[in-house]
């Protein structure tokens, strides 16, 4: 049976992290449709007000490439223009991903994203903790000083489940094939498999934001 790309947290070509800055500069040209990004055949849902440009990052906490991308992404997100709304979307390519998907939204609803989002990545990729199940996640959250009952209620709340369901709808609408990946304005998609570098992927996103802003 052939191995599908969705069985991995990222396409194999993302392993080209060894690309030098010189190579990246050589790539600094106008992004090409079908090469550096794709235009969706059908518009994906957008949850931002008119006049705002939505940019989504699709990720999975246990993905090492998402972990490596996080500091770069954070720096880029802090410099975004006021008309750009950036959101993270946890994927669930299979049922085993669902607990971490709910974890992200539980943190969001509890107002703990800024405090604990990066700690989740560190716990998994630095401390080598297995946070793939609800019991393991709950125990970790308690160690972070979060009340067990409060977290459990939020983890299983209607709001968290609905947000996770919406995330899966967005993943399918953008036809996400691996993570980390980026979607723009319900119209465009790019990922490391296409750009060969997540640094270049962010430049492609900047280009696509300008395209949307210009009405193209």
N, C-alpha and C. Protein backbone atom coordinates (compact mmCIF):
# COMPACT_ATOMS: atom_id res chain seq x y z
N UNK A 1 0.85 -1.19 0.00
CA UNK A 1 0.00 0.00 0.00
C UNK A 1 0.89 1.24 0.00
N UNK A 2 0.66 2.16 -0.93
CA UNK A 2 1.48 3.37 -0.95
C UNK A 2 1.21 4.23 0.28
N UNK A 3 2.24 4.91 0.72
CA UNK A 3 2.10 5.79 1.87
C UNK A 3 1.60 7.15 1.41
N UNK A 4 0.52 7.61 2.00
CA UNK A 4 -0.05 8.89 1.63
C UNK A 4 0.65 10.00 2.41
N UNK A 5 0.73 11.17 1.79
CA UNK A 5 1.39 12.29 2.45
C UNK A 5 0.70 12.66 3.74
N UNK A 6 -0.60 12.44 3.84
CA UNK A 6 -1.32 12.81 5.05
C UNK A 6 -0.93 11.93 6.24
N UNK A 7 -0.18 10.85 5.98
CA UNK A 7 0.29 10.03 7.08
C UNK A 7 1.45 10.71 7.80
N UNK A 8 1.97 11.78 7.24
CA UNK A 8 3.10 12.49 7.82
C UNK A 8 2.68 13.88 8.24
N UNK A 9 3.46 14.45 9.16
CA UNK A 9 3.12 15.80 9.62
C UNK A 9 3.55 16.83 8.60
N UNK A 10 4.43 16.48 7.67
CA UNK A 10 4.83 17.42 6.63
C UNK A 10 5.38 16.63 5.47
N UNK A 11 5.37 17.24 4.30
CA UNK A 11 5.91 16.58 3.12
C UNK A 11 7.41 16.40 3.27
N UNK A 12 7.92 15.36 2.64
CA UNK A 12 9.33 15.05 2.80
C UNK A 12 10.22 16.19 2.33
N UNK A 13 9.77 16.94 1.37
CA UNK A 13 10.61 18.00 0.84
C UNK A 13 10.86 19.11 1.84
N UNK A 14 10.10 19.15 2.92
CA UNK A 14 10.34 20.16 3.94
C UNK A 14 11.66 19.90 4.64
N UNK A 15 12.20 18.70 4.44
CA UNK A 15 13.48 18.37 5.03
C UNK A 15 14.60 19.19 4.42
N UNK A 16 14.30 19.97 3.40
CA UNK A 16 15.30 20.82 2.77
C UNK A 16 15.58 22.04 3.62
N UNK A 17 15.50 21.90 4.95
CA UNK A 17 15.77 23.02 5.84
C UNK A 17 17.21 23.45 5.72
N UNK A 18 18.04 22.62 5.07
CA UNK A 18 19.43 22.97 4.88
C UNK A 18 19.65 23.98 3.78
N UNK A 19 18.59 24.45 3.13
CA UNK A 19 18.74 25.46 2.11
C UNK A 19 19.45 26.68 2.68
N UNK A 20 20.41 27.20 1.95
CA UNK A 20 21.16 28.35 2.43
C UNK A 20 20.42 29.63 2.13
N UNK A 21 20.81 30.70 2.82
CA UNK A 21 20.18 31.99 2.57
C UNK A 21 20.44 32.42 1.14
N UNK A 22 21.60 32.04 0.58
CA UNK A 22 21.90 32.38 -0.81
C UNK A 22 20.90 31.73 -1.74
N UNK A 23 20.56 30.48 -1.44
CA UNK A 23 19.57 29.78 -2.27
C UNK A 23 18.22 30.46 -2.17
N UNK A 24 17.87 30.87 -0.95
CA UNK A 24 16.59 31.53 -0.76
C UNK A 24 16.55 32.85 -1.51
N UNK A 25 17.66 33.59 -1.49
CA UNK A 25 17.71 34.84 -2.22
C UNK A 25 17.55 34.60 -3.71
N UNK A 26 18.11 33.48 -4.17
CA UNK A 26 18.00 33.16 -5.59
C UNK A 26 16.55 32.88 -5.96
N UNK A 27 15.79 32.42 -4.96
CA UNK A 27 14.39 32.12 -5.20
C UNK A 27 13.50 33.36 -5.09
N UNK A 28 14.09 34.48 -4.66
CA UNK A 28 13.30 35.67 -4.37
C UNK A 28 12.80 36.30 -5.66
N UNK A 29 11.81 35.69 -6.25
CA UNK A 29 11.20 36.17 -7.48
C UNK A 29 9.69 36.21 -7.26
N UNK A 30 8.97 36.56 -8.27
CA UNK A 30 7.52 36.59 -8.14
C UNK A 30 7.00 35.15 -8.02
N UNK A 31 6.27 34.85 -6.96
CA UNK A 31 5.73 33.48 -6.80
C UNK A 31 4.84 33.10 -7.98
N UNK A 32 4.92 31.83 -8.34
CA UNK A 32 4.19 31.34 -9.50
C UNK A 32 3.06 30.42 -9.08
N UNK A 33 1.87 30.68 -9.61
CA UNK A 33 0.73 29.80 -9.35
C UNK A 33 1.01 28.42 -9.90
N UNK A 34 0.66 27.40 -9.15
CA UNK A 34 0.89 26.03 -9.57
C UNK A 34 2.27 25.53 -9.20
N UNK A 35 3.14 26.43 -8.78
CA UNK A 35 4.49 26.05 -8.36
C UNK A 35 4.70 26.41 -6.89
N UNK A 36 4.52 27.67 -6.57
CA UNK A 36 4.73 28.15 -5.21
C UNK A 36 3.44 28.18 -4.39
N UNK A 37 2.31 28.18 -5.07
CA UNK A 37 1.01 28.20 -4.40
C UNK A 37 -0.05 27.72 -5.37
N UNK A 38 -1.23 27.44 -4.85
CA UNK A 38 -2.36 27.07 -5.71
C UNK A 38 -3.53 27.99 -5.39
N UNK A 39 -4.31 28.27 -6.40
CA UNK A 39 -5.58 28.98 -6.22
C UNK A 39 -6.67 27.93 -6.08
N UNK A 40 -7.42 28.00 -5.00
CA UNK A 40 -8.43 26.99 -4.74
C UNK A 40 -9.51 27.01 -5.82
N UNK A 41 -9.96 25.83 -6.19
CA UNK A 41 -11.02 25.74 -7.18
C UNK A 41 -12.36 26.21 -6.63
N UNK A 42 -12.52 26.09 -5.31
CA UNK A 42 -13.73 26.53 -4.64
C UNK A 42 -13.34 27.32 -3.41
N UNK A 43 -13.96 28.47 -3.21
CA UNK A 43 -13.60 29.32 -2.07
C UNK A 43 -13.80 28.59 -0.75
N UNK A 44 -12.83 28.74 0.15
CA UNK A 44 -12.94 28.19 1.49
C UNK A 44 -13.65 29.20 2.39
N UNK A 45 -14.27 28.76 3.46
CA UNK A 45 -14.93 29.70 4.38
C UNK A 45 -13.94 30.69 4.99
N UNK A 46 -14.40 31.90 5.21
CA UNK A 46 -13.59 32.94 5.83
C UNK A 46 -14.36 33.49 7.03
N UNK A 47 -13.69 33.61 8.17
CA UNK A 47 -14.36 34.03 9.39
C UNK A 47 -13.89 35.39 9.88
N UNK A 48 -13.50 36.26 8.97
CA UNK A 48 -13.06 37.60 9.35
C UNK A 48 -13.97 38.64 8.69
N UNK A 49 -14.07 39.83 9.27
CA UNK A 49 -14.95 40.87 8.73
C UNK A 49 -14.50 41.35 7.36
N UNK A 50 -15.42 41.96 6.64
CA UNK A 50 -15.08 42.56 5.35
C UNK A 50 -13.99 43.61 5.55
N UNK A 51 -13.09 43.67 4.60
CA UNK A 51 -11.99 44.63 4.70
C UNK A 51 -10.76 44.05 5.38
N UNK A 52 -10.88 42.86 5.93
CA UNK A 52 -9.75 42.17 6.55
C UNK A 52 -9.32 40.98 5.69
N UNK A 53 -8.06 40.66 5.73
CA UNK A 53 -7.52 39.54 4.95
C UNK A 53 -7.10 38.44 5.92
N UNK A 54 -7.72 37.30 5.80
CA UNK A 54 -7.47 36.19 6.73
C UNK A 54 -6.32 35.31 6.24
N UNK A 55 -5.38 35.06 7.13
CA UNK A 55 -4.27 34.14 6.87
C UNK A 55 -4.32 33.04 7.93
N UNK A 56 -4.31 31.80 7.50
CA UNK A 56 -4.39 30.66 8.40
C UNK A 56 -3.11 29.85 8.36
N UNK A 57 -2.66 29.41 9.53
CA UNK A 57 -1.58 28.42 9.58
C UNK A 57 -2.17 27.12 10.06
N UNK A 58 -2.04 26.07 9.27
CA UNK A 58 -2.47 24.74 9.64
C UNK A 58 -1.29 24.02 10.28
N UNK A 59 -1.50 23.46 11.48
CA UNK A 59 -0.39 22.86 12.21
C UNK A 59 -0.86 21.67 13.03
N UNK A 60 0.11 20.95 13.57
CA UNK A 60 -0.14 19.85 14.50
C UNK A 60 0.94 19.92 15.57
N UNK A 61 0.55 19.90 16.83
CA UNK A 61 1.52 20.06 17.91
C UNK A 61 2.66 19.04 17.84
N UNK A 62 2.38 17.82 17.45
CA UNK A 62 3.42 16.79 17.44
C UNK A 62 4.30 16.81 16.20
N UNK A 63 4.05 17.73 15.29
CA UNK A 63 4.85 17.83 14.07
C UNK A 63 6.16 18.56 14.35
N UNK A 64 7.31 17.93 14.14
CA UNK A 64 8.59 18.60 14.40
C UNK A 64 8.82 19.81 13.50
N UNK A 65 8.31 19.76 12.28
CA UNK A 65 8.47 20.89 11.37
C UNK A 65 7.65 22.09 11.84
N UNK A 66 6.45 21.83 12.38
CA UNK A 66 5.65 22.91 12.93
C UNK A 66 6.35 23.53 14.13
N UNK A 67 6.97 22.70 14.94
CA UNK A 67 7.72 23.18 16.10
C UNK A 67 8.88 24.08 15.65
N UNK A 68 9.61 23.64 14.64
CA UNK A 68 10.74 24.43 14.15
C UNK A 68 10.29 25.73 13.49
N UNK A 69 9.11 25.70 12.88
CA UNK A 69 8.57 26.86 12.17
C UNK A 69 8.02 27.91 13.13
N UNK A 70 7.62 27.50 14.32
CA UNK A 70 6.90 28.38 15.24
C UNK A 70 7.61 29.70 15.55
N UNK A 71 8.90 29.70 15.89
CA UNK A 71 9.55 30.98 16.19
C UNK A 71 9.58 31.92 14.99
N UNK A 72 9.82 31.38 13.81
CA UNK A 72 9.84 32.20 12.59
C UNK A 72 8.45 32.76 12.32
N UNK A 73 7.44 31.91 12.47
CA UNK A 73 6.06 32.32 12.25
C UNK A 73 5.65 33.41 13.23
N UNK A 74 6.05 33.26 14.50
CA UNK A 74 5.70 34.25 15.51
C UNK A 74 6.28 35.62 15.15
N UNK A 75 7.53 35.64 14.72
CA UNK A 75 8.15 36.89 14.34
C UNK A 75 7.45 37.54 13.16
N UNK A 76 7.10 36.73 12.19
CA UNK A 76 6.39 37.23 11.00
C UNK A 76 5.02 37.77 11.38
N UNK A 77 4.29 37.04 12.23
CA UNK A 77 2.94 37.43 12.61
C UNK A 77 2.92 38.76 13.36
N UNK A 78 3.98 39.03 14.12
CA UNK A 78 4.03 40.28 14.89
C UNK A 78 4.21 41.50 14.00
N UNK A 79 4.63 41.28 12.76
CA UNK A 79 4.89 42.41 11.85
C UNK A 79 3.77 42.59 10.81
N UNK A 80 2.68 41.87 10.95
CA UNK A 80 1.63 41.93 9.94
C UNK A 80 0.91 43.28 9.95
N UNK A 81 0.49 43.74 8.77
CA UNK A 81 -0.31 44.98 8.69
C UNK A 81 -1.64 44.81 9.41
N UNK A 82 -2.28 45.94 9.75
CA UNK A 82 -3.50 45.90 10.54
C UNK A 82 -4.68 45.28 9.80
N UNK A 83 -4.60 45.21 8.46
CA UNK A 83 -5.73 44.64 7.73
C UNK A 83 -5.60 43.13 7.56
N UNK A 84 -4.57 42.52 8.14
CA UNK A 84 -4.38 41.08 8.06
C UNK A 84 -4.70 40.44 9.41
N UNK A 85 -5.56 39.43 9.38
CA UNK A 85 -5.93 38.69 10.58
C UNK A 85 -5.32 37.29 10.49
N UNK A 86 -4.42 36.99 11.42
CA UNK A 86 -3.73 35.70 11.42
C UNK A 86 -4.35 34.77 12.45
N UNK A 87 -4.60 33.51 12.03
CA UNK A 87 -5.17 32.51 12.93
C UNK A 87 -4.45 31.18 12.74
N UNK A 88 -4.33 30.44 13.84
CA UNK A 88 -3.80 29.09 13.77
C UNK A 88 -4.96 28.09 13.71
N UNK A 89 -4.78 27.04 12.93
CA UNK A 89 -5.81 26.01 12.79
C UNK A 89 -5.18 24.64 13.00
N UNK A 90 -5.45 23.98 14.12
CA UNK A 90 -4.89 22.65 14.35
C UNK A 90 -5.60 21.61 13.47
N UNK A 91 -4.82 20.76 12.84
CA UNK A 91 -5.40 19.77 11.93
C UNK A 91 -5.68 18.46 12.65
N UNK A 92 -6.53 17.66 12.04
CA UNK A 92 -6.79 16.30 12.53
C UNK A 92 -6.90 15.39 11.32
N UNK A 93 -5.74 15.00 10.79
CA UNK A 93 -5.74 14.11 9.63
C UNK A 93 -6.30 12.74 9.97
N UNK A 94 -6.26 12.39 11.26
CA UNK A 94 -6.81 11.12 11.72
C UNK A 94 -7.28 11.31 13.16
N UNK A 95 -8.05 10.35 13.66
CA UNK A 95 -8.68 10.51 14.97
C UNK A 95 -7.68 10.71 16.10
N UNK A 96 -6.47 10.17 15.96
CA UNK A 96 -5.48 10.30 17.03
C UNK A 96 -5.02 11.74 17.23
N UNK A 97 -5.29 12.60 16.23
CA UNK A 97 -4.91 14.01 16.34
C UNK A 97 -5.95 14.83 17.11
N UNK A 98 -7.14 14.29 17.28
CA UNK A 98 -8.25 15.07 17.84
C UNK A 98 -7.98 15.64 19.23
N UNK A 99 -7.36 14.90 20.17
CA UNK A 99 -7.11 15.48 21.49
C UNK A 99 -6.27 16.76 21.43
N UNK A 100 -5.24 16.78 20.60
CA UNK A 100 -4.42 17.99 20.50
C UNK A 100 -5.17 19.12 19.80
N UNK A 101 -6.05 18.77 18.90
CA UNK A 101 -6.89 19.78 18.26
C UNK A 101 -7.76 20.46 19.31
N UNK A 102 -8.37 19.65 20.17
CA UNK A 102 -9.21 20.20 21.24
C UNK A 102 -8.37 20.98 22.26
N UNK A 103 -7.17 20.50 22.52
CA UNK A 103 -6.28 21.20 23.45
C UNK A 103 -6.08 22.64 23.02
N UNK A 104 -5.78 22.84 21.73
CA UNK A 104 -5.55 24.20 21.24
C UNK A 104 -6.76 25.09 21.50
N UNK A 105 -7.94 24.59 21.19
CA UNK A 105 -9.13 25.43 21.34
C UNK A 105 -9.53 25.60 22.80
N UNK A 106 -9.23 24.62 23.64
CA UNK A 106 -9.47 24.79 25.07
C UNK A 106 -8.58 25.91 25.61
N UNK A 107 -7.32 25.92 25.19
CA UNK A 107 -6.41 27.00 25.59
C UNK A 107 -6.94 28.35 25.11
N UNK A 108 -7.43 28.37 23.88
CA UNK A 108 -7.92 29.62 23.30
C UNK A 108 -9.12 30.15 24.09
N UNK A 109 -10.07 29.29 24.37
CA UNK A 109 -11.28 29.72 25.07
C UNK A 109 -10.95 30.13 26.51
N UNK A 110 -9.97 29.50 27.11
CA UNK A 110 -9.60 29.81 28.48
C UNK A 110 -8.66 31.01 28.58
N UNK A 111 -8.28 31.56 27.44
CA UNK A 111 -7.38 32.70 27.44
C UNK A 111 -5.95 32.34 27.81
N UNK A 112 -5.54 31.11 27.53
CA UNK A 112 -4.22 30.62 27.92
C UNK A 112 -3.29 30.39 26.74
N UNK A 113 -3.69 30.78 25.54
CA UNK A 113 -2.87 30.53 24.37
C UNK A 113 -1.51 31.20 24.49
N UNK A 114 -1.49 32.48 24.83
CA UNK A 114 -0.22 33.21 24.93
C UNK A 114 0.72 32.58 25.95
N UNK A 115 0.15 32.06 27.03
CA UNK A 115 0.96 31.48 28.10
C UNK A 115 1.43 30.07 27.81
N UNK A 116 0.56 29.24 27.20
CA UNK A 116 0.84 27.81 27.13
C UNK A 116 1.05 27.22 25.73
N UNK A 117 0.69 27.94 24.68
CA UNK A 117 0.82 27.38 23.33
C UNK A 117 2.26 26.93 23.05
N UNK A 118 3.22 27.81 23.29
CA UNK A 118 4.62 27.45 23.04
C UNK A 118 5.10 26.37 24.00
N UNK A 119 4.53 26.36 25.21
CA UNK A 119 4.93 25.33 26.18
C UNK A 119 4.49 23.94 25.73
N UNK A 120 3.38 23.86 25.02
CA UNK A 120 2.93 22.56 24.51
C UNK A 120 3.97 22.02 23.54
N UNK A 121 4.41 22.86 22.60
CA UNK A 121 5.45 22.45 21.67
C UNK A 121 6.71 22.00 22.42
N UNK A 122 7.12 22.77 23.42
CA UNK A 122 8.34 22.44 24.17
C UNK A 122 8.19 21.13 24.94
N UNK A 123 7.01 20.92 25.51
CA UNK A 123 6.78 19.69 26.26
C UNK A 123 6.94 18.47 25.36
N UNK A 124 6.43 18.58 24.14
CA UNK A 124 6.47 17.45 23.20
C UNK A 124 7.84 17.27 22.59
N UNK A 125 8.45 18.36 22.12
CA UNK A 125 9.66 18.25 21.31
C UNK A 125 10.96 18.44 22.07
N UNK A 126 10.89 19.07 23.25
CA UNK A 126 12.09 19.23 24.07
C UNK A 126 12.08 18.24 25.23
N UNK A 127 10.96 18.21 25.94
CA UNK A 127 10.85 17.32 27.10
C UNK A 127 10.44 15.90 26.73
N UNK A 128 10.06 15.70 25.46
CA UNK A 128 9.69 14.37 24.94
C UNK A 128 8.51 13.76 25.68
N UNK A 129 7.53 14.60 26.04
CA UNK A 129 6.32 14.08 26.66
C UNK A 129 5.31 13.68 25.59
N UNK A 130 4.60 12.62 25.87
CA UNK A 130 3.57 12.13 24.95
C UNK A 130 2.24 12.78 25.33
N UNK A 131 1.88 13.83 24.62
CA UNK A 131 0.62 14.52 24.88
C UNK A 131 -0.38 14.22 23.77
N UNK A 132 -0.66 12.95 23.57
CA UNK A 132 -1.53 12.55 22.47
C UNK A 132 -2.91 12.09 22.93
N UNK A 133 -3.11 12.01 24.24
CA UNK A 133 -4.40 11.55 24.75
C UNK A 133 -4.96 12.56 25.75
N UNK A 134 -6.26 12.51 25.96
CA UNK A 134 -6.88 13.43 26.91
C UNK A 134 -6.31 13.27 28.33
N UNK A 135 -6.16 12.05 28.86
CA UNK A 135 -5.59 11.92 30.21
C UNK A 135 -4.19 12.54 30.33
N UNK A 136 -3.32 12.28 29.34
CA UNK A 136 -1.96 12.81 29.39
C UNK A 136 -1.98 14.34 29.30
N UNK A 137 -2.82 14.86 28.43
CA UNK A 137 -2.94 16.32 28.28
C UNK A 137 -3.46 16.94 29.57
N UNK A 138 -4.45 16.31 30.17
CA UNK A 138 -5.03 16.84 31.41
C UNK A 138 -4.00 16.88 32.53
N UNK A 139 -3.23 15.80 32.68
CA UNK A 139 -2.20 15.77 33.72
C UNK A 139 -1.17 16.88 33.49
N UNK A 140 -0.80 17.09 32.23
CA UNK A 140 0.17 18.14 31.92
C UNK A 140 -0.41 19.51 32.25
N UNK A 141 -1.68 19.72 31.93
CA UNK A 141 -2.31 21.00 32.21
C UNK A 141 -2.37 21.27 33.72
N UNK A 142 -2.63 20.25 34.50
CA UNK A 142 -2.67 20.40 35.96
C UNK A 142 -1.30 20.85 36.47
N UNK A 143 -0.23 20.30 35.87
CA UNK A 143 1.12 20.68 36.27
C UNK A 143 1.44 22.13 35.88
N UNK A 144 0.68 22.66 34.94
CA UNK A 144 0.87 24.06 34.55
C UNK A 144 0.05 25.00 35.44
N UNK A 145 -0.62 24.43 36.44
CA UNK A 145 -1.38 25.24 37.38
C UNK A 145 -2.84 25.44 37.00
N UNK A 146 -3.34 24.68 36.04
CA UNK A 146 -4.72 24.80 35.60
C UNK A 146 -5.59 23.82 36.39
N UNK A 147 -6.71 24.29 36.87
CA UNK A 147 -7.62 23.43 37.62
C UNK A 147 -8.11 22.27 36.76
N UNK A 148 -8.04 21.06 37.30
CA UNK A 148 -8.40 19.85 36.55
C UNK A 148 -9.84 19.89 36.06
N UNK A 149 -10.76 20.20 36.95
CA UNK A 149 -12.18 20.19 36.58
C UNK A 149 -12.50 21.26 35.56
N UNK A 150 -11.90 22.43 35.72
CA UNK A 150 -12.15 23.52 34.77
C UNK A 150 -11.65 23.13 33.39
N UNK A 151 -10.44 22.57 33.34
CA UNK A 151 -9.90 22.19 32.03
C UNK A 151 -10.71 21.06 31.41
N UNK A 152 -11.06 20.05 32.18
CA UNK A 152 -11.83 18.93 31.65
C UNK A 152 -13.15 19.40 31.07
N UNK A 153 -13.81 20.28 31.80
CA UNK A 153 -15.08 20.82 31.30
C UNK A 153 -14.89 21.58 30.01
N UNK A 154 -13.83 22.36 29.92
CA UNK A 154 -13.60 23.15 28.72
C UNK A 154 -13.16 22.28 27.55
N UNK A 155 -12.34 21.27 27.84
CA UNK A 155 -11.84 20.36 26.81
C UNK A 155 -13.00 19.65 26.11
N UNK A 156 -14.04 19.35 26.87
CA UNK A 156 -15.19 18.61 26.33
C UNK A 156 -16.41 19.48 26.09
N UNK A 157 -16.23 20.79 26.16
CA UNK A 157 -17.37 21.70 26.01
C UNK A 157 -17.86 21.76 24.57
N UNK A 158 -19.08 22.20 24.43
CA UNK A 158 -19.66 22.36 23.10
C UNK A 158 -18.84 23.34 22.27
N UNK A 159 -18.37 24.41 22.89
CA UNK A 159 -17.60 25.42 22.17
C UNK A 159 -16.32 24.84 21.61
N UNK A 160 -15.58 24.08 22.43
CA UNK A 160 -14.33 23.49 21.98
C UNK A 160 -14.56 22.48 20.87
N UNK A 161 -15.55 21.64 21.04
CA UNK A 161 -15.86 20.63 20.02
C UNK A 161 -16.28 21.30 18.72
N UNK A 162 -17.07 22.36 18.80
CA UNK A 162 -17.52 23.08 17.60
C UNK A 162 -16.34 23.73 16.89
N UNK A 163 -15.42 24.31 17.64
CA UNK A 163 -14.24 24.93 17.03
C UNK A 163 -13.37 23.88 16.35
N UNK A 164 -13.23 22.72 16.98
CA UNK A 164 -12.45 21.64 16.38
C UNK A 164 -13.10 21.15 15.09
N UNK A 165 -14.42 21.07 15.10
CA UNK A 165 -15.14 20.65 13.90
C UNK A 165 -14.95 21.67 12.77
N UNK A 166 -14.98 22.94 13.13
CA UNK A 166 -14.76 24.00 12.15
C UNK A 166 -13.34 23.92 11.58
N UNK A 167 -12.38 23.60 12.43
CA UNK A 167 -10.99 23.46 11.98
C UNK A 167 -10.87 22.37 10.92
N UNK A 168 -11.56 21.26 11.15
CA UNK A 168 -11.51 20.17 10.17
C UNK A 168 -12.18 20.56 8.86
N UNK A 169 -13.25 21.35 8.96
CA UNK A 169 -13.91 21.85 7.74
C UNK A 169 -12.96 22.74 6.95
N UNK A 170 -12.22 23.59 7.63
CA UNK A 170 -11.26 24.47 6.96
C UNK A 170 -10.12 23.66 6.34
N UNK A 171 -9.65 22.67 7.08
CA UNK A 171 -8.59 21.81 6.56
C UNK A 171 -9.02 21.16 5.25
N UNK A 172 -10.24 20.67 5.21
CA UNK A 172 -10.73 20.02 4.00
C UNK A 172 -11.00 21.01 2.89
N UNK A 173 -11.50 22.19 3.24
CA UNK A 173 -11.79 23.21 2.23
C UNK A 173 -10.52 23.69 1.55
N UNK A 174 -9.44 23.81 2.31
CA UNK A 174 -8.16 24.23 1.74
C UNK A 174 -7.39 23.05 1.13
N UNK A 175 -7.91 21.84 1.31
CA UNK A 175 -7.27 20.63 0.80
C UNK A 175 -5.85 20.50 1.33
N UNK A 176 -5.72 20.71 2.63
CA UNK A 176 -4.41 20.65 3.28
C UNK A 176 -3.83 19.25 3.15
N UNK A 177 -2.59 19.19 2.67
CA UNK A 177 -1.98 17.91 2.38
C UNK A 177 -0.82 17.59 3.31
N UNK A 178 -0.42 18.53 4.11
CA UNK A 178 0.68 18.33 5.06
C UNK A 178 0.84 19.61 5.86
N UNK A 179 1.52 19.53 6.99
CA UNK A 179 1.71 20.72 7.81
C UNK A 179 3.19 20.90 8.15
N UNK A 180 3.61 22.14 8.39
CA UNK A 180 2.81 23.37 8.40
C UNK A 180 2.40 23.79 7.00
N UNK A 181 1.24 24.42 6.91
CA UNK A 181 0.71 24.92 5.65
C UNK A 181 0.01 26.24 5.92
N UNK A 182 -0.21 27.00 4.85
CA UNK A 182 -0.78 28.34 5.00
C UNK A 182 -1.88 28.58 3.99
N UNK A 183 -2.97 29.19 4.45
CA UNK A 183 -4.08 29.54 3.58
C UNK A 183 -4.31 31.03 3.63
N UNK A 184 -4.72 31.60 2.52
CA UNK A 184 -4.91 33.05 2.43
C UNK A 184 -6.29 33.38 1.87
N UNK A 185 -7.08 34.08 2.66
CA UNK A 185 -8.35 34.70 2.22
C UNK A 185 -9.34 33.71 1.62
N UNK A 186 -9.25 32.44 1.98
CA UNK A 186 -10.16 31.46 1.42
C UNK A 186 -9.90 31.17 -0.04
N UNK A 187 -8.81 31.70 -0.58
CA UNK A 187 -8.55 31.61 -2.02
C UNK A 187 -7.26 30.90 -2.40
N UNK A 188 -6.25 30.98 -1.53
CA UNK A 188 -4.93 30.48 -1.89
C UNK A 188 -4.37 29.55 -0.82
N UNK A 189 -3.50 28.64 -1.27
CA UNK A 189 -2.88 27.66 -0.37
C UNK A 189 -1.42 27.46 -0.75
N UNK A 190 -0.56 27.34 0.27
CA UNK A 190 0.83 26.99 0.02
C UNK A 190 1.35 26.18 1.20
N UNK A 191 2.41 25.41 0.96
CA UNK A 191 3.03 24.65 2.04
C UNK A 191 4.49 24.36 1.68
N UNK A 192 5.19 23.69 2.58
CA UNK A 192 6.60 23.43 2.39
C UNK A 192 6.91 22.53 1.21
N UNK A 193 5.97 21.67 0.84
CA UNK A 193 6.19 20.80 -0.31
C UNK A 193 6.28 21.61 -1.60
N UNK A 194 5.53 22.71 -1.65
CA UNK A 194 5.53 23.53 -2.85
C UNK A 194 6.71 24.50 -2.86
N UNK A 195 6.97 25.14 -1.72
CA UNK A 195 7.97 26.20 -1.68
C UNK A 195 9.37 25.70 -1.37
N UNK A 196 9.49 24.49 -0.84
CA UNK A 196 10.77 23.89 -0.44
C UNK A 196 11.39 24.59 0.76
N UNK A 197 10.74 25.60 1.29
CA UNK A 197 11.25 26.34 2.44
C UNK A 197 10.10 27.12 3.05
N UNK A 198 9.95 27.05 4.37
CA UNK A 198 8.88 27.80 5.00
C UNK A 198 9.17 29.30 5.04
N UNK A 199 10.45 29.68 4.97
CA UNK A 199 10.78 31.11 4.84
C UNK A 199 10.20 31.65 3.53
N UNK A 200 10.40 30.89 2.47
CA UNK A 200 9.85 31.30 1.18
C UNK A 200 8.32 31.24 1.19
N UNK A 201 7.77 30.28 1.91
CA UNK A 201 6.31 30.18 2.01
C UNK A 201 5.72 31.45 2.61
N UNK A 202 6.40 32.02 3.60
CA UNK A 202 5.90 33.26 4.19
C UNK A 202 6.00 34.43 3.21
N UNK A 203 7.04 34.43 2.39
CA UNK A 203 7.14 35.46 1.36
C UNK A 203 6.03 35.29 0.32
N UNK A 204 5.70 34.04 0.03
CA UNK A 204 4.59 33.77 -0.89
C UNK A 204 3.29 34.29 -0.29
N UNK A 205 3.10 34.07 1.00
CA UNK A 205 1.89 34.57 1.66
C UNK A 205 1.83 36.09 1.61
N UNK A 206 2.95 36.75 1.84
CA UNK A 206 2.98 38.21 1.74
C UNK A 206 2.56 38.67 0.35
N UNK A 207 3.04 37.96 -0.66
CA UNK A 207 2.68 38.27 -2.05
C UNK A 207 1.18 38.07 -2.26
N UNK A 208 0.63 36.98 -1.75
CA UNK A 208 -0.79 36.68 -1.93
C UNK A 208 -1.67 37.68 -1.19
N UNK A 209 -1.23 38.12 -0.02
CA UNK A 209 -1.97 39.16 0.71
C UNK A 209 -2.03 40.43 -0.12
N UNK A 210 -0.93 40.79 -0.76
CA UNK A 210 -0.92 41.97 -1.62
C UNK A 210 -1.86 41.79 -2.81
N UNK A 211 -1.91 40.57 -3.32
CA UNK A 211 -2.82 40.28 -4.44
C UNK A 211 -4.27 40.49 -4.02
N UNK A 212 -4.61 39.97 -2.85
CA UNK A 212 -5.98 40.12 -2.35
C UNK A 212 -6.29 41.60 -2.08
N UNK A 213 -5.34 42.28 -1.46
CA UNK A 213 -5.53 43.69 -1.13
C UNK A 213 -5.74 44.53 -2.39
N UNK A 214 -5.07 44.15 -3.46
CA UNK A 214 -5.17 44.89 -4.73
C UNK A 214 -6.37 44.49 -5.56
N UNK A 215 -7.14 43.48 -5.07
CA UNK A 215 -8.32 43.05 -5.79
C UNK A 215 -8.03 42.13 -6.95
N UNK A 216 -6.84 41.56 -6.95
CA UNK A 216 -6.49 40.63 -8.04
C UNK A 216 -6.82 39.20 -7.67
